[in-house]
Amino acid sequence: MKRIYFLLMTILVGVQSGYGYPISPRPLRLLIEESEIIVFARVTDIVDESGKRKDDDFETTVAILQIYNVVQGTVNQSVIRVPYPANFICPAPPHFEKGKDVLVFLNKRNDQYAVHALSYGVKTVTAAEAQVYINKIKEMQDIMKIKNEDERFIKTTEWLVGCAENPVTRYEGTYELSPESSFMSFYDQSEGKPFKYVITAEQKVRLENALFAVKKLSYEDLGLIDLVYASNGEKVFRFMLSKLKEQSQQGKPQWFADSFMNRLNLYKSSPRTKELEEKYSEVAYAQGTKPEDLKNVLRDFVAEMERLP
């Protein structure tokens, strides 16, 4: 229910805005392969140049970037200007925030820099997160040089598993290892590659360990769950249930909790647990919903699950 609602709203907004549908997701591997330039930089200013551009030019906002490190390609300046369509609604535009550090994937056209893949082409990061990304980018640059296709495929799979193990790059790995775990795969027009079918037993254990080390569930963890659920169903079931129980007792339940409820229902269920899964989706998007309303549904769900044999 939640996913259908989200997709319908996204399509409606896209049609009304005239900008179309979201573009195909671009995880890190594709950004590296497709981008001419990658930089780690500080956003020193955001400039509105709407009065200086043609009326039909969407790229009327300019991010001023002070470059720390050129990770891919060549940039001869220490400061560059990057125009972008800040007023886009759908597809989502790049996001720059003054004073923040960013990893930016760029192409150059007509002597002007342009963000590759819109919103996917800018990652707001801390210095530590940037280093994680830069290390993975350098690894992929080496993998891309491998001429043997089979060897390159196996090395890429290992690279994706490594991405999935690290919370910083988890999405970059789980999206390609298990794209169907993300609702954004609805917009993916690429065929994708069957990386998950060559995951080894050792790699699967590492993915399990990464999952069980999670302190607070995030949407990207769905990919980890889907990759290891079949081989360790009872432990994954108990892990998810414990995390949902924590959400029902403290903090604010996450909007995607029903996705975890759905996976719990796949392992064992009752008419009541299925009903509560649907109810959570409805309550989450109801006007005026309070965190306590969601907690109440989660509490009922967890209690019912704990009663099942």
Protein backbone atom coordinates (compact mmCIF):
# COMPACT_ATOMS: atom_id res chain seq x y z
CA MET A 1 0.00 0.00 0.00
CA LYS A 2 2.73 2.46 0.99
CA ARG A 3 4.76 1.80 -2.15
CA ILE A 4 1.71 2.15 -4.41
CA TYR A 5 0.82 5.43 -2.72
CA PHE A 6 4.38 6.71 -3.07
CA LEU A 7 4.61 5.77 -6.73
CA LEU A 8 1.25 7.32 -7.59
CA MET A 9 2.17 10.57 -5.84
CA THR A 10 5.56 10.67 -7.55
CA ILE A 11 4.00 10.11 -10.96
CA LEU A 12 1.36 12.78 -10.30
CA VAL A 13 3.97 15.32 -9.25
CA GLY A 14 6.10 14.46 -12.27
CA VAL A 15 3.21 14.93 -14.69
CA GLN A 16 2.06 18.19 -13.10
CA SER A 17 5.57 19.64 -13.06
CA GLY A 18 6.25 18.71 -16.66
CA TYR A 19 9.66 17.30 -15.79
CA GLY A 20 8.79 13.63 -16.19
CA TYR A 21 9.53 10.56 -14.11
CA PRO A 22 12.49 9.83 -11.83
CA ILE A 23 15.55 8.68 -13.75
CA SER A 24 17.07 5.22 -13.35
CA PRO A 25 18.90 4.92 -10.03
CA ARG A 26 22.66 5.36 -10.24
CA PRO A 27 24.57 3.46 -7.57
CA LEU A 28 28.26 4.14 -7.12
CA ARG A 29 29.58 1.65 -9.69
CA LEU A 30 27.58 3.25 -12.50
CA LEU A 31 28.47 6.77 -11.36
CA ILE A 32 32.15 5.87 -11.59
CA GLU A 33 31.78 4.26 -15.01
CA GLU A 34 29.64 7.04 -16.49
CA SER A 35 31.16 10.21 -14.99
CA GLU A 36 34.04 12.02 -16.62
CA ILE A 37 35.10 13.76 -13.40
CA ILE A 38 34.73 13.05 -9.68
CA VAL A 39 35.69 15.62 -7.04
CA PHE A 40 35.57 15.93 -3.28
CA ALA A 41 34.85 19.56 -2.49
CA ARG A 42 33.38 22.15 -0.14
CA VAL A 43 30.30 24.11 -1.23
CA THR A 44 31.40 27.67 -0.52
CA ASP A 45 28.40 29.42 -2.04
CA ILE A 46 25.10 28.99 -3.88
CA VAL A 47 24.33 31.65 -6.48
CA ASP A 48 20.97 32.37 -8.11
CA GLU A 49 21.58 33.48 -11.70
CA SER A 50 17.98 33.35 -12.91
CA GLY A 51 18.21 36.96 -14.07
CA LYS A 52 21.28 36.27 -16.17
CA ARG A 53 20.08 33.22 -18.09
CA LYS A 54 17.70 32.49 -20.93
CA ASP A 55 14.09 31.85 -19.92
CA ASP A 56 14.24 28.27 -21.18
CA ASP A 57 17.39 27.40 -19.22
CA PHE A 58 16.57 25.36 -16.12
CA GLU A 59 20.13 25.53 -14.79
CA THR A 60 19.88 28.94 -13.19
CA THR A 61 21.43 28.05 -9.82
CA VAL A 62 25.19 27.71 -9.47
CA ALA A 63 27.15 25.87 -6.78
CA ILE A 64 30.62 27.25 -6.13
CA LEU A 65 32.93 24.38 -5.19
CA GLN A 66 36.33 24.61 -3.50
CA ILE A 67 38.05 21.39 -4.52
CA TYR A 68 39.89 19.30 -1.95
CA ASN A 69 40.65 16.32 -4.16
CA VAL A 70 40.16 15.31 -7.80
CA VAL A 71 39.31 11.62 -7.60
CA GLN A 72 38.72 10.99 -11.30
CA GLY A 73 39.44 12.96 -14.45
CA THR A 74 41.21 16.31 -14.71
CA VAL A 75 40.28 19.68 -13.23
CA ASN A 76 42.73 22.54 -13.60
CA GLN A 77 41.07 24.99 -11.20
CA SER A 78 40.86 24.91 -7.42
CA VAL A 79 37.41 26.52 -7.56
CA ILE A 80 34.72 25.56 -10.07
CA ARG A 81 31.20 26.67 -10.87
CA VAL A 82 28.53 24.00 -11.31
CA PRO A 83 25.15 25.15 -12.70
CA TYR A 84 22.21 22.90 -11.83
CA PRO A 85 18.38 22.90 -12.02
CA ALA A 86 17.56 23.58 -8.37
CA ASN A 87 13.87 24.15 -9.14
CA PHE A 88 13.25 20.73 -10.61
CA ILE A 89 10.71 18.63 -8.73
CA CYS A 90 10.79 15.35 -10.61
CA PRO A 91 13.30 14.03 -11.46
CA ALA A 92 15.00 15.22 -8.29
CA PRO A 93 17.73 17.82 -8.83
CA PRO A 94 21.25 17.76 -7.36
CA HIS A 95 21.33 19.07 -3.81
CA PHE A 96 24.04 21.46 -2.67
CA GLU A 97 24.14 23.17 0.70
CA LYS A 98 26.49 26.03 1.50
CA GLY A 99 29.22 25.04 3.94
CA LYS A 100 28.82 21.29 3.35
CA ASP A 101 31.39 18.86 1.93
CA VAL A 102 30.28 16.88 -1.11
CA LEU A 103 31.41 14.15 -3.43
CA VAL A 104 30.33 15.27 -6.90
CA PHE A 105 30.16 13.28 -10.13
CA LEU A 106 30.52 15.55 -13.15
CA ASN A 107 30.66 15.74 -16.90
CA LYS A 108 31.90 18.69 -18.90
CA ARG A 109 29.95 20.10 -21.80
CA ASN A 110 30.71 23.28 -23.71
CA ASP A 111 33.41 24.14 -21.13
CA GLN A 112 30.82 23.99 -18.38
CA TYR A 113 30.53 21.45 -15.58
CA ALA A 114 27.29 19.51 -15.17
CA VAL A 115 26.29 17.06 -12.45
CA HIS A 116 25.89 13.54 -13.76
CA ALA A 117 22.58 11.77 -13.01
CA LEU A 118 21.02 14.72 -11.19
CA SER A 119 20.34 13.92 -7.50
CA TYR A 120 22.45 10.75 -7.62
CA GLY A 121 25.51 12.73 -8.66
CA VAL A 122 25.96 14.65 -5.40
CA LYS A 123 26.64 12.98 -2.06
CA THR A 124 26.86 15.13 1.06
CA VAL A 125 29.55 13.52 3.22
CA THR A 126 31.78 14.00 6.21
CA ALA A 127 35.55 13.78 5.71
CA ALA A 128 35.53 10.22 7.07
CA GLU A 129 32.66 9.17 4.80
CA ALA A 130 34.37 10.78 1.82
CA GLN A 131 37.47 8.70 2.45
CA VAL A 132 35.39 5.51 2.47
CA TYR A 133 33.89 6.51 -0.88
CA ILE A 134 37.24 7.54 -2.35
CA ASN A 135 38.78 4.20 -1.39
CA LYS A 136 35.91 2.32 -3.06
CA ILE A 137 36.18 4.53 -6.16
CA LYS A 138 39.88 3.75 -6.50
CA GLU A 139 39.17 0.03 -6.11
CA MET A 140 36.58 0.18 -8.89
CA GLN A 141 38.91 2.15 -11.13
CA ASP A 142 41.38 -0.73 -10.86
CA ILE A 143 38.64 -3.32 -11.48
CA MET A 144 37.55 -1.46 -14.62
CA LYS A 145 41.04 -2.04 -16.06
CA ILE A 146 40.67 -5.82 -15.92
CA LYS A 147 40.28 -7.11 -19.48
CA ASN A 148 38.90 -10.57 -18.72
CA GLU A 149 35.13 -10.16 -18.39
CA ASP A 150 34.61 -13.11 -16.04
CA GLU A 151 37.36 -11.96 -13.70
CA ARG A 152 36.03 -8.39 -13.78
CA PHE A 153 32.54 -9.64 -12.95
CA ILE A 154 33.74 -11.69 -9.96
CA LYS A 155 35.88 -8.80 -8.70
CA THR A 156 32.92 -6.43 -9.07
CA THR A 157 30.70 -8.75 -7.06
CA GLU A 158 33.29 -8.80 -4.26
CA TRP A 159 33.47 -5.00 -4.48
CA LEU A 160 29.68 -4.75 -4.11
CA VAL A 161 29.72 -7.08 -1.10
CA GLY A 162 32.38 -4.84 0.43
CA CYS A 163 30.18 -1.81 -0.20
CA ALA A 164 27.20 -3.54 1.42
CA GLU A 165 29.22 -4.43 4.52
CA ASN A 166 29.96 -0.78 5.28
CA PRO A 167 27.01 1.37 6.47
CA VAL A 168 28.45 4.36 4.59
CA THR A 169 28.25 2.62 1.21
CA ARG A 170 25.55 0.06 2.00
CA TYR A 171 23.09 1.37 -0.59
CA GLU A 172 25.79 1.27 -3.28
CA GLY A 173 26.17 -2.48 -2.73
CA THR A 174 22.68 -3.64 -1.82
CA TYR A 175 21.02 -1.87 -4.74
CA GLU A 176 23.00 -3.86 -7.29
CA LEU A 177 23.06 -7.11 -5.33
CA SER A 178 19.31 -6.99 -4.63
CA PRO A 179 17.69 -4.17 -6.65
CA GLU A 180 14.17 -5.48 -6.11
CA SER A 181 14.56 -4.67 -2.41
CA SER A 182 14.26 -0.95 -3.20
CA PHE A 183 11.06 0.70 -4.43
CA MET A 184 13.25 2.88 -6.68
CA SER A 185 13.87 -0.19 -8.85
CA PHE A 186 10.40 0.57 -10.27
CA TYR A 187 12.12 3.35 -12.24
CA ASP A 188 15.20 1.37 -13.23
CA GLN A 189 15.26 0.96 -16.99
CA SER A 190 18.58 -0.86 -17.12
CA GLU A 191 18.74 -4.64 -17.33
CA GLY A 192 21.09 -4.92 -14.37
CA LYS A 193 23.61 -7.68 -13.83
CA PRO A 194 23.09 -10.94 -11.91
CA PHE A 195 25.69 -10.23 -9.26
CA LYS A 196 23.74 -11.90 -6.45
CA TYR A 197 23.84 -15.26 -8.22
CA VAL A 198 27.60 -15.54 -7.80
CA ILE A 199 27.76 -14.55 -4.14
CA THR A 200 29.83 -17.17 -2.34
CA ALA A 201 29.03 -18.82 1.00
CA GLU A 202 31.83 -16.80 2.60
CA GLN A 203 30.45 -13.55 1.20
CA LYS A 204 26.95 -14.43 2.43
CA VAL A 205 28.30 -14.94 5.95
CA ARG A 206 29.89 -11.50 5.76
CA LEU A 207 26.57 -10.00 4.67
CA GLU A 208 24.83 -11.75 7.57
CA ASN A 209 27.42 -10.37 9.99
CA ALA A 210 26.90 -6.88 8.58
CA LEU A 211 23.14 -7.21 9.10
CA PHE A 212 23.37 -8.50 12.66
CA ALA A 213 25.73 -5.63 13.53
CA VAL A 214 23.04 -3.06 12.65
CA LYS A 215 21.93 -1.00 15.66
CA LYS A 216 19.00 0.77 14.01
CA LEU A 217 17.28 -0.50 10.87
CA SER A 218 17.54 1.63 7.76
CA TYR A 219 15.86 1.23 4.38
CA GLU A 220 19.10 -0.04 2.83
CA ASP A 221 19.13 -2.94 5.30
CA LEU A 222 16.22 -4.50 3.39
CA GLY A 223 18.72 -5.51 0.73
CA LEU A 224 20.90 -7.28 3.29
CA ILE A 225 17.85 -9.06 4.70
CA ASP A 226 16.66 -10.24 1.31
CA LEU A 227 20.11 -11.54 0.42
CA VAL A 228 20.52 -13.70 3.53
CA TYR A 229 16.96 -14.47 4.66
CA ALA A 230 16.64 -17.82 2.87
CA SER A 231 19.81 -19.26 4.38
CA ASN A 232 19.22 -18.08 7.96
CA GLY A 233 15.51 -17.41 8.21
CA GLU A 234 14.91 -17.94 11.93
CA LYS A 235 17.80 -15.71 13.04
CA VAL A 236 16.89 -12.96 10.57
CA PHE A 237 13.24 -13.18 11.66
CA ARG A 238 14.17 -12.81 15.33
CA PHE A 239 16.55 -9.95 14.53
CA MET A 240 13.92 -7.97 12.62
CA LEU A 241 11.28 -8.60 15.27
CA SER A 242 13.60 -7.37 18.03
CA LYS A 243 14.36 -4.17 16.09
CA LEU A 244 10.67 -3.47 15.47
CA LYS A 245 10.00 -4.08 19.15
CA GLU A 246 12.61 -1.45 20.02
CA GLN A 247 10.87 1.01 17.68
CA SER A 248 7.53 0.33 19.33
CA GLN A 249 8.96 1.14 22.75
CA GLN A 250 11.21 4.12 22.10
CA GLY A 251 11.93 6.79 19.53
CA LYS A 252 9.93 7.46 16.38
CA PRO A 253 8.91 4.51 14.19
CA GLN A 254 10.31 4.70 10.66
CA TRP A 255 8.03 5.22 7.68
CA PHE A 256 9.29 2.00 6.08
CA ALA A 257 8.65 -0.23 9.10
CA ASP A 258 5.86 -1.94 7.16
CA SER A 259 8.50 -3.26 4.73
CA PHE A 260 10.05 -5.15 7.63
CA MET A 261 6.59 -6.21 8.82
CA ASN A 262 6.01 -7.63 5.35
CA ARG A 263 9.18 -9.71 5.52
CA LEU A 264 8.27 -10.98 8.96
CA ASN A 265 4.88 -12.04 7.59
CA LEU A 266 6.65 -14.01 4.86
CA TYR A 267 8.28 -16.20 7.52
CA LYS A 268 5.22 -16.69 9.71
CA SER A 269 1.93 -14.85 9.88
CA SER A 270 -1.68 -14.78 10.96
CA PRO A 271 -4.66 -12.89 9.55
CA ARG A 272 -4.10 -10.38 12.36
CA THR A 273 -0.42 -9.72 11.56
CA LYS A 274 -1.26 -9.17 7.90
CA GLU A 275 -4.06 -6.82 8.89
CA LEU A 276 -1.69 -4.84 11.11
CA GLU A 277 0.86 -4.56 8.30
CA GLU A 278 -1.78 -2.92 6.12
CA LYS A 279 -2.96 -0.76 9.00
CA TYR A 280 0.57 0.56 9.59
CA SER A 281 0.77 1.73 5.96
CA GLU A 282 -2.58 3.48 6.26
CA VAL A 283 -1.77 5.14 9.58
CA ALA A 284 1.69 6.24 8.38
CA TYR A 285 0.16 8.31 5.58
CA ALA A 286 -2.98 9.48 7.34
CA GLN A 287 -3.26 13.20 7.98
CA GLY A 288 -2.44 14.15 11.56
CA THR A 289 -0.75 10.86 12.43
CA LYS A 290 1.36 11.03 15.60
CA PRO A 291 4.37 8.82 16.46
CA GLU A 292 2.34 7.20 19.22
CA ASP A 293 -0.25 6.06 16.65
CA LEU A 294 2.43 4.16 14.77
CA LYS A 295 3.89 2.78 17.99
CA ASN A 296 0.51 1.38 18.94
CA VAL A 297 0.23 -0.53 15.66
CA LEU A 298 3.79 -1.81 16.00
CA ARG A 299 3.17 -2.91 19.59
CA ASP A 300 0.11 -4.87 18.51
CA PHE A 301 2.03 -6.41 15.61
CA VAL A 302 5.01 -7.43 17.73
CA ALA A 303 2.74 -8.87 20.46
CA GLU A 304 0.83 -10.91 17.88
CA MET A 305 4.04 -12.16 16.29
CA GLU A 306 5.41 -13.22 19.67
CA ARG A 307 2.28 -15.26 20.29
CA LEU A 308 2.66 -17.24 17.07
CA PRO A 309 4.15 -20.74 17.43
